[in-house]
Amino acid sequence: MDVEGKDPLSIAMDMTNADIVTLLRLAKMREAEVAQGQAGDETYLDIFRDFSLMASDNPEMLTRRDLKLTTL
Protein backbone atom coordinates (compact mmCIF):
# COMPACT_ATOMS: atom_id res chain seq x y z
CA MET A 1 0.00 0.00 0.00
CA ASP A 2 1.15 3.52 -0.68
CA VAL A 3 0.64 6.57 1.53
CA GLU A 4 -2.88 6.98 0.10
CA GLY A 5 -3.77 3.39 0.93
CA LYS A 6 -3.76 2.22 -2.69
CA ASP A 7 -2.42 -1.16 -3.68
CA PRO A 8 -0.33 -1.68 -6.86
CA LEU A 9 -3.35 -2.84 -8.87
CA SER A 10 -5.35 0.29 -7.98
CA ILE A 11 -2.41 2.51 -8.89
CA ALA A 12 -1.96 0.76 -12.26
CA MET A 13 -5.67 1.10 -12.97
CA ASP A 14 -5.64 4.80 -12.06
CA MET A 15 -2.70 5.29 -14.42
CA THR A 16 -4.52 3.31 -17.16
CA ASN A 17 -1.53 1.01 -17.57
CA ALA A 18 -3.19 -2.05 -19.11
CA ASP A 19 0.00 -4.14 -19.29
CA ILE A 20 0.72 -3.78 -15.59
CA VAL A 21 -2.94 -4.33 -14.65
CA THR A 22 -2.90 -7.59 -16.63
CA LEU A 23 0.35 -8.78 -15.07
CA LEU A 24 -0.83 -7.95 -11.54
CA ARG A 25 -4.13 -9.76 -12.09
CA LEU A 26 -2.31 -12.79 -13.45
CA ALA A 27 0.00 -12.79 -10.43
CA LYS A 28 -3.00 -12.62 -8.09
CA MET A 29 -4.64 -15.50 -9.96
CA ARG A 30 -1.44 -17.53 -9.68
CA GLU A 31 -1.24 -16.89 -5.92
CA ALA A 32 -4.82 -18.13 -5.52
CA GLU A 33 -4.06 -21.28 -7.51
CA VAL A 34 -0.97 -22.05 -5.42
CA ALA A 35 -2.92 -21.46 -2.19
CA GLN A 36 -5.48 -24.02 -3.36
CA GLY A 37 -2.74 -26.53 -4.13
CA GLN A 38 -3.14 -26.31 -7.89
CA ALA A 39 -0.05 -26.56 -10.06
CA GLY A 40 -1.25 -23.79 -12.34
CA ASP A 41 -1.37 -23.33 -16.04
CA GLU A 42 1.53 -23.11 -18.48
CA THR A 43 -0.25 -20.15 -20.08
CA TYR A 44 0.55 -18.06 -17.01
CA LEU A 45 4.26 -18.77 -17.33
CA ASP A 46 4.18 -18.20 -21.10
CA ILE A 47 2.60 -14.76 -20.66
CA PHE A 48 5.20 -13.67 -18.12
CA ARG A 49 8.02 -15.08 -20.25
CA ASP A 50 6.75 -13.29 -23.38
CA PHE A 51 6.33 -10.00 -21.52
CA SER A 52 9.81 -10.29 -20.00
CA LEU A 53 11.37 -11.02 -23.37
CA MET A 54 9.53 -8.11 -24.97
CA ALA A 55 10.65 -5.77 -22.20
CA SER A 56 14.21 -6.99 -22.54
CA ASP A 57 14.42 -7.00 -26.35
CA ASN A 58 12.24 -3.95 -27.10
CA PRO A 59 12.19 -1.65 -24.05
CA GLU A 60 10.91 1.20 -26.22
CA MET A 61 7.59 -0.64 -26.42
CA LEU A 62 7.13 0.03 -22.71
CA THR A 63 7.55 3.78 -23.09
CA ARG A 64 4.18 5.39 -22.63
CA ARG A 65 3.38 8.50 -24.58
CA ASP A 66 2.20 11.57 -22.76
CA LEU A 67 -1.60 11.54 -22.79
CA LYS A 68 -1.99 15.19 -21.86
CA LEU A 69 -4.06 17.05 -24.40
CA THR A 70 -2.88 20.46 -25.47
CA THR A 71 -4.31 23.11 -27.71
CA LEU A 72 -2.45 25.33 -30.13
PDB file of N, CA and C in Angstrom:
ATOM      1  N   MET A   1       0.835  -1.184   0.000  1.00  0.00           N
ATOM      2  CA  MET A   1       0.000   0.000   0.000  1.00  0.00           C
ATOM      3  C   MET A   1       0.880   1.249   0.000  1.00  0.00           C
ATOM      4  N   ASP A   2       0.407   2.265  -0.703  1.00  0.00           N
ATOM      5  CA  ASP A   2       1.152   3.515  -0.681  1.00  0.00           C
ATOM      6  C   ASP A   2       0.594   4.419   0.417  1.00  0.00           C
ATOM      7  N   VAL A   3       1.063   5.658   0.467  1.00  0.00           N
ATOM      8  CA  VAL A   3       0.635   6.571   1.533  1.00  0.00           C
ATOM      9  C   VAL A   3      -0.850   6.904   1.451  1.00  0.00           C
ATOM     10  N   GLU A   4      -1.446   6.722   0.264  1.00  0.00           N
ATOM     11  CA  GLU A   4      -2.881   6.983   0.098  1.00  0.00           C
ATOM     12  C   GLU A   4      -3.720   5.731   0.327  1.00  0.00           C
ATOM     13  N   GLY A   5      -3.052   4.627   0.682  1.00  0.00           N
ATOM     14  CA  GLY A   5      -3.769   3.387   0.935  1.00  0.00           C
ATOM     15  C   GLY A   5      -4.117   2.595  -0.314  1.00  0.00           C
ATOM     16  N   LYS A   6      -3.488   2.918  -1.439  1.00  0.00           N
ATOM     17  CA  LYS A   6      -3.764   2.215  -2.691  1.00  0.00           C
ATOM     18  C   LYS A   6      -2.770   1.077  -2.877  1.00  0.00           C
ATOM     19  N   ASP A   7      -3.295  -0.040  -3.371  1.00  0.00           N
ATOM     20  CA  ASP A   7      -2.417  -1.164  -3.685  1.00  0.00           C
ATOM     21  C   ASP A   7      -1.898  -1.014  -5.121  1.00  0.00           C
ATOM     22  N   PRO A   8      -0.903  -1.820  -5.518  1.00  0.00           N
ATOM     23  CA  PRO A   8      -0.329  -1.681  -6.860  1.00  0.00           C
ATOM     24  C   PRO A   8      -1.354  -1.802  -7.987  1.00  0.00           C
ATOM     25  N   LEU A   9      -2.336  -2.689  -7.831  1.00  0.00           N
ATOM     26  CA  LEU A   9      -3.351  -2.841  -8.868  1.00  0.00           C
ATOM     27  C   LEU A   9      -4.174  -1.569  -9.018  1.00  0.00           C
ATOM     28  N   SER A  10      -4.579  -0.963  -7.921  1.00  0.00           N
ATOM     29  CA  SER A  10      -5.346   0.285  -7.977  1.00  0.00           C
ATOM     30  C   SER A  10      -4.544   1.403  -8.633  1.00  0.00           C
ATOM     31  N   ILE A  11      -3.267   1.478  -8.305  1.00  0.00           N
ATOM     32  CA  ILE A  11      -2.406   2.507  -8.892  1.00  0.00           C
ATOM     33  C   ILE A  11      -2.297   2.297 -10.396  1.00  0.00           C
ATOM     34  N   ALA A  12      -2.070   1.056 -10.829  1.00  0.00           N
ATOM     35  CA  ALA A  12      -1.957   0.764 -12.260  1.00  0.00           C
ATOM     36  C   ALA A  12      -3.258   1.080 -12.984  1.00  0.00           C
ATOM     37  N   MET A  13      -4.387   0.789 -12.349  1.00  0.00           N
ATOM     38  CA  MET A  13      -5.675   1.099 -12.966  1.00  0.00           C
ATOM     39  C   MET A  13      -5.876   2.605 -13.068  1.00  0.00           C
ATOM     40  N   ASP A  14      -5.515   3.338 -12.029  1.00  0.00           N
ATOM     41  CA  ASP A  14      -5.639   4.796 -12.062  1.00  0.00           C
ATOM     42  C   ASP A  14      -4.776   5.406 -13.160  1.00  0.00           C
ATOM     43  N   MET A  15      -3.624   4.779 -13.411  1.00  0.00           N
ATOM     44  CA  MET A  15      -2.705   5.294 -14.421  1.00  0.00           C
ATOM     45  C   MET A  15      -3.013   4.728 -15.808  1.00  0.00           C
ATOM     46  N   THR A  16      -4.096   3.964 -15.919  1.00  0.00           N
ATOM     47  CA  THR A  16      -4.523   3.311 -17.159  1.00  0.00           C
ATOM     48  C   THR A  16      -3.376   2.575 -17.838  1.00  0.00           C
ATOM     49  N   ASN A  17      -2.646   1.794 -17.050  1.00  0.00           N
ATOM     50  CA  ASN A  17      -1.531   1.009 -17.569  1.00  0.00           C
ATOM     51  C   ASN A  17      -1.994  -0.439 -17.715  1.00  0.00           C
ATOM     52  N   ALA A  18      -2.559  -0.753 -18.875  1.00  0.00           N
ATOM     53  CA  ALA A  18      -3.185  -2.052 -19.109  1.00  0.00           C
ATOM     54  C   ALA A  18      -2.215  -3.216 -18.958  1.00  0.00           C
ATOM     55  N   ASP A  19      -0.975  -3.049 -19.402  1.00  0.00           N
ATOM     56  CA  ASP A  19      -0.002  -4.138 -19.293  1.00  0.00           C
ATOM     57  C   ASP A  19       0.246  -4.510 -17.838  1.00  0.00           C
ATOM     58  N   ILE A  20       0.446  -3.514 -17.003  1.00  0.00           N
ATOM     59  CA  ILE A  20       0.717  -3.775 -15.590  1.00  0.00           C
ATOM     60  C   ILE A  20      -0.521  -4.333 -14.896  1.00  0.00           C
ATOM     61  N   VAL A  21      -1.697  -3.809 -15.231  1.00  0.00           N
ATOM     62  CA  VAL A  21      -2.943  -4.333 -14.653  1.00  0.00           C
ATOM     63  C   VAL A  21      -3.067  -5.820 -14.974  1.00  0.00           C
ATOM     64  N   THR A  22      -2.813  -6.182 -16.223  1.00  0.00           N
ATOM     65  CA  THR A  22      -2.904  -7.585 -16.633  1.00  0.00           C
ATOM     66  C   THR A  22      -1.911  -8.449 -15.874  1.00  0.00           C
ATOM     67  N   LEU A  23      -0.661  -8.002 -15.779  1.00  0.00           N
ATOM     68  CA  LEU A  23       0.355  -8.780 -15.069  1.00  0.00           C
ATOM     69  C   LEU A  23       0.021  -8.932 -13.588  1.00  0.00           C
ATOM     70  N   LEU A  24      -0.470  -7.867 -12.961  1.00  0.00           N
ATOM     71  CA  LEU A  24      -0.828  -7.951 -11.542  1.00  0.00           C
ATOM     72  C   LEU A  24      -2.011  -8.885 -11.317  1.00  0.00           C
ATOM     73  N   ARG A  25      -2.983  -8.854 -12.219  1.00  0.00           N
ATOM     74  CA  ARG A  25      -4.128  -9.757 -12.090  1.00  0.00           C
ATOM     75  C   ARG A  25      -3.707 -11.207 -12.291  1.00  0.00           C
ATOM     76  N   LEU A  26      -2.815 -11.435 -13.244  1.00  0.00           N
ATOM     77  CA  LEU A  26      -2.308 -12.791 -13.449  1.00  0.00           C
ATOM     78  C   LEU A  26      -1.547 -13.285 -12.224  1.00  0.00           C
ATOM     79  N   ALA A  27      -0.749 -12.413 -11.627  1.00  0.00           N
ATOM     80  CA  ALA A  27       0.002 -12.791 -10.428  1.00  0.00           C
ATOM     81  C   ALA A  27      -0.947 -13.137  -9.286  1.00  0.00           C
ATOM     82  N   LYS A  28      -2.013 -12.355  -9.146  1.00  0.00           N
ATOM     83  CA  LYS A  28      -2.998 -12.620  -8.095  1.00  0.00           C
ATOM     84  C   LYS A  28      -3.695 -13.961  -8.340  1.00  0.00           C
ATOM     85  N   MET A  29      -4.015 -14.233  -9.610  1.00  0.00           N
ATOM     86  CA  MET A  29      -4.640 -15.501  -9.961  1.00  0.00           C
ATOM     87  C   MET A  29      -3.698 -16.665  -9.632  1.00  0.00           C
ATOM     88  N   ARG A  30      -2.438 -16.490  -9.944  1.00  0.00           N
ATOM     89  CA  ARG A  30      -1.436 -17.532  -9.679  1.00  0.00           C
ATOM     90  C   ARG A  30      -1.318 -17.800  -8.177  1.00  0.00           C
ATOM     91  N   GLU A  31      -1.308 -16.735  -7.371  1.00  0.00           N
ATOM     92  CA  GLU A  31      -1.239 -16.893  -5.918  1.00  0.00           C
ATOM     93  C   GLU A  31      -2.433 -17.686  -5.399  1.00  0.00           C
ATOM     94  N   ALA A  32      -3.615 -17.416  -5.942  1.00  0.00           N
ATOM     95  CA  ALA A  32      -4.819 -18.127  -5.517  1.00  0.00           C
ATOM     96  C   ALA A  32      -4.731 -19.603  -5.892  1.00  0.00           C
ATOM     97  N   GLU A  33      -4.205 -19.887  -7.088  1.00  0.00           N
ATOM     98  CA  GLU A  33      -4.061 -21.279  -7.513  1.00  0.00           C
ATOM     99  C   GLU A  33      -3.092 -22.029  -6.605  1.00  0.00           C
ATOM    100  N   VAL A  34      -1.973 -21.408  -6.285  1.00  0.00           N
ATOM    101  CA  VAL A  34      -0.975 -22.048  -5.423  1.00  0.00           C
ATOM    102  C   VAL A  34      -1.558 -22.285  -4.033  1.00  0.00           C
ATOM    103  N   ALA A  35      -2.315 -21.318  -3.519  1.00  0.00           N
ATOM    104  CA  ALA A  35      -2.923 -21.455  -2.195  1.00  0.00           C
ATOM    105  C   ALA A  35      -3.909 -22.619  -2.148  1.00  0.00           C
ATOM    106  N   GLN A  36      -4.532 -22.917  -3.289  1.00  0.00           N
ATOM    107  CA  GLN A  36      -5.484 -24.023  -3.361  1.00  0.00           C
ATOM    108  C   GLN A  36      -4.802 -25.342  -3.707  1.00  0.00           C
ATOM    109  N   GLY A  37      -3.482 -25.308  -3.837  1.00  0.00           N
ATOM    110  CA  GLY A  37      -2.742 -26.526  -4.127  1.00  0.00           C
ATOM    111  C   GLY A  37      -2.736 -26.925  -5.584  1.00  0.00           C
ATOM    112  N   GLN A  38      -3.140 -26.013  -6.458  1.00  0.00           N
ATOM    113  CA  GLN A  38      -3.141 -26.308  -7.887  1.00  0.00           C
ATOM    114  C   GLN A  38      -1.781 -25.963  -8.480  1.00  0.00           C
ATOM    115  N   ALA A  39      -1.361 -26.765  -9.430  1.00  0.00           N
ATOM    116  CA  ALA A  39      -0.055 -26.556 -10.056  1.00  0.00           C
ATOM    117  C   ALA A  39      -0.053 -25.324 -10.949  1.00  0.00           C
ATOM    118  N   GLY A  40      -1.183 -24.950 -11.466  1.00  0.00           N
ATOM    119  CA  GLY A  40      -1.248 -23.786 -12.337  1.00  0.00           C
ATOM    120  C   GLY A  40      -1.227 -24.169 -13.800  1.00  0.00           C
ATOM    121  N   ASP A  41      -1.258 -23.165 -14.607  1.00  0.00           N
ATOM    122  CA  ASP A  41      -1.374 -23.327 -16.043  1.00  0.00           C
ATOM    123  C   ASP A  41      -0.093 -22.840 -16.705  1.00  0.00           C
ATOM    124  N   GLU A  42       0.352 -23.533 -17.726  1.00  0.00           N
ATOM    125  CA  GLU A  42       1.534 -23.108 -18.477  1.00  0.00           C
ATOM    126  C   GLU A  42       1.304 -21.758 -19.146  1.00  0.00           C
ATOM    127  N   THR A  43       0.057 -21.426 -19.434  1.00  0.00           N
ATOM    128  CA  THR A  43      -0.250 -20.151 -20.078  1.00  0.00           C
ATOM    129  C   THR A  43       0.253 -18.997 -19.236  1.00  0.00           C
ATOM    130  N   TYR A  44       0.082 -19.096 -17.941  1.00  0.00           N
ATOM    131  CA  TYR A  44       0.549 -18.058 -17.014  1.00  0.00           C
ATOM    132  C   TYR A  44       2.043 -17.821 -17.188  1.00  0.00           C
ATOM    133  N   LEU A  45       2.807 -18.892 -17.181  1.00  0.00           N
ATOM    134  CA  LEU A  45       4.258 -18.775 -17.332  1.00  0.00           C
ATOM    135  C   LEU A  45       4.633 -18.246 -18.710  1.00  0.00           C
ATOM    136  N   ASP A  46       3.906 -18.674 -19.740  1.00  0.00           N
ATOM    137  CA  ASP A  46       4.176 -18.197 -21.097  1.00  0.00           C
ATOM    138  C   ASP A  46       3.959 -16.696 -21.216  1.00  0.00           C
ATOM    139  N   ILE A  47       2.892 -16.199 -20.598  1.00  0.00           N
ATOM    140  CA  ILE A  47       2.596 -14.763 -20.663  1.00  0.00           C
ATOM    141  C   ILE A  47       3.705 -13.969 -19.992  1.00  0.00           C
ATOM    142  N   PHE A  48       4.130 -14.388 -18.810  1.00  0.00           N
ATOM    143  CA  PHE A  48       5.205 -13.674 -18.116  1.00  0.00           C
ATOM    144  C   PHE A  48       6.519 -13.762 -18.886  1.00  0.00           C
ATOM    145  N   ARG A  49       6.797 -14.907 -19.465  1.00  0.00           N
ATOM    146  CA  ARG A  49       8.022 -15.078 -20.249  1.00  0.00           C
ATOM    147  C   ARG A  49       7.996 -14.160 -21.473  1.00  0.00           C
ATOM    148  N   ASP A  50       6.867 -14.141 -22.195  1.00  0.00           N
ATOM    149  CA  ASP A  50       6.748 -13.288 -23.380  1.00  0.00           C
ATOM    150  C   ASP A  50       6.897 -11.819 -23.020  1.00  0.00           C
ATOM    151  N   PHE A  51       6.250 -11.403 -21.938  1.00  0.00           N
ATOM    152  CA  PHE A  51       6.334 -10.003 -21.523  1.00  0.00           C
ATOM    153  C   PHE A  51       7.765  -9.651 -21.130  1.00  0.00           C
ATOM    154  N   SER A  52       8.424 -10.545 -20.412  1.00  0.00           N
ATOM    155  CA  SER A  52       9.808 -10.295 -19.997  1.00  0.00           C
ATOM    156  C   SER A  52      10.734 -10.192 -21.198  1.00  0.00           C
ATOM    157  N   LEU A  53      10.552 -11.076 -22.164  1.00  0.00           N
ATOM    158  CA  LEU A  53      11.375 -11.016 -23.371  1.00  0.00           C
ATOM    159  C   LEU A  53      11.127  -9.732 -24.147  1.00  0.00           C
ATOM    160  N   MET A  54       9.861  -9.346 -24.269  1.00  0.00           N
ATOM    161  CA  MET A  54       9.526  -8.115 -24.971  1.00  0.00           C
ATOM    162  C   MET A  54      10.156  -6.919 -24.272  1.00  0.00           C
ATOM    163  N   ALA A  55      10.076  -6.879 -22.964  1.00  0.00           N
ATOM    164  CA  ALA A  55      10.648  -5.766 -22.204  1.00  0.00           C
ATOM    165  C   ALA A  55      12.163  -5.736 -22.336  1.00  0.00           C
ATOM    166  N   SER A  56      12.761  -6.898 -22.416  1.00  0.00           N
ATOM    167  CA  SER A  56      14.214  -6.991 -22.543  1.00  0.00           C
ATOM    168  C   SER A  56      14.688  -6.647 -23.954  1.00  0.00           C
ATOM    169  N   ASP A  57      14.001  -7.185 -24.956  1.00  0.00           N
ATOM    170  CA  ASP A  57      14.418  -7.005 -26.347  1.00  0.00           C
ATOM    171  C   ASP A  57      13.961  -5.689 -26.959  1.00  0.00           C
ATOM    172  N   ASN A  58      12.817  -5.170 -26.519  1.00  0.00           N
ATOM    173  CA  ASN A  58      12.242  -3.950 -27.095  1.00  0.00           C
ATOM    174  C   ASN A  58      11.750  -3.016 -25.995  1.00  0.00           C
ATOM    175  N   PRO A  59      12.638  -2.488 -25.169  1.00  0.00           N
ATOM    176  CA  PRO A  59      12.189  -1.649 -24.051  1.00  0.00           C
ATOM    177  C   PRO A  59      11.421  -0.407 -24.493  1.00  0.00           C
ATOM    178  N   GLU A  60      11.643   0.027 -25.730  1.00  0.00           N
ATOM    179  CA  GLU A  60      10.914   1.201 -26.216  1.00  0.00           C
ATOM    180  C   GLU A  60       9.415   0.941 -26.303  1.00  0.00           C
ATOM    181  N   MET A  61       9.011  -0.318 -26.382  1.00  0.00           N
ATOM    182  CA  MET A  61       7.586  -0.640 -26.425  1.00  0.00           C
ATOM    183  C   MET A  61       6.909  -0.343 -25.090  1.00  0.00           C
ATOM    184  N   LEU A  62       7.691  -0.252 -24.031  1.00  0.00           N
ATOM    185  CA  LEU A  62       7.133   0.026 -22.709  1.00  0.00           C
ATOM    186  C   LEU A  62       7.025   1.520 -22.428  1.00  0.00           C
ATOM    187  N   THR A  63       7.604   2.335 -23.290  1.00  0.00           N
ATOM    188  CA  THR A  63       7.547   3.777 -23.095  1.00  0.00           C
ATOM    189  C   THR A  63       6.142   4.255 -23.412  1.00  0.00           C
ATOM    190  N   ARG A  64       5.547   4.888 -22.435  1.00  0.00           N
ATOM    191  CA  ARG A  64       4.182   5.391 -22.631  1.00  0.00           C
ATOM    192  C   ARG A  64       4.243   6.825 -23.110  1.00  0.00           C
ATOM    193  N   ARG A  65       3.420   7.119 -24.087  1.00  0.00           N
ATOM    194  CA  ARG A  65       3.385   8.495 -24.580  1.00  0.00           C
ATOM    195  C   ARG A  65       2.604   9.355 -23.603  1.00  0.00           C
ATOM    196  N   ASP A  66       2.879  10.633 -23.636  1.00  0.00           N
ATOM    197  CA  ASP A  66       2.195  11.573 -22.758  1.00  0.00           C
ATOM    198  C   ASP A  66       0.765  11.741 -23.251  1.00  0.00           C
ATOM    199  N   LEU A  67      -0.194  11.477 -22.394  1.00  0.00           N
ATOM    200  CA  LEU A  67      -1.597  11.536 -22.788  1.00  0.00           C
ATOM    201  C   LEU A  67      -2.238  12.892 -22.530  1.00  0.00           C
ATOM    202  N   LYS A  68      -1.437  13.869 -22.119  1.00  0.00           N
ATOM    203  CA  LYS A  68      -1.988  15.192 -21.861  1.00  0.00           C
ATOM    204  C   LYS A  68      -2.390  15.845 -23.179  1.00  0.00           C
ATOM    205  N   LEU A  69      -3.579  16.364 -23.211  1.00  0.00           N
ATOM    206  CA  LEU A  69      -4.063  17.046 -24.403  1.00  0.00           C
ATOM    207  C   LEU A  69      -3.698  18.521 -24.325  1.00  0.00           C
ATOM    208  N   THR A  70      -3.220  19.038 -25.420  1.00  0.00           N
ATOM    209  CA  THR A  70      -2.882  20.459 -25.467  1.00  0.00           C
ATOM    210  C   THR A  70      -3.562  21.088 -26.661  1.00  0.00           C
ATOM    211  N   THR A  71      -3.732  22.367 -26.587  1.00  0.00           N
ATOM    212  CA  THR A  71      -4.309  23.105 -27.711  1.00  0.00           C
ATOM    213  C   THR A  71      -3.262  24.055 -28.255  1.00  0.00           C
ATOM    214  N   LEU A  72      -3.408  24.410 -29.502  1.00  0.00           N
ATOM    215  CA  LEU A  72      -2.451  25.326 -30.128  1.00  0.00           C
ATOM    216  C   LEU A  72      -2.761  26.751 -29.830  1.00  0.00           C
TER     217      LEU A  72
END
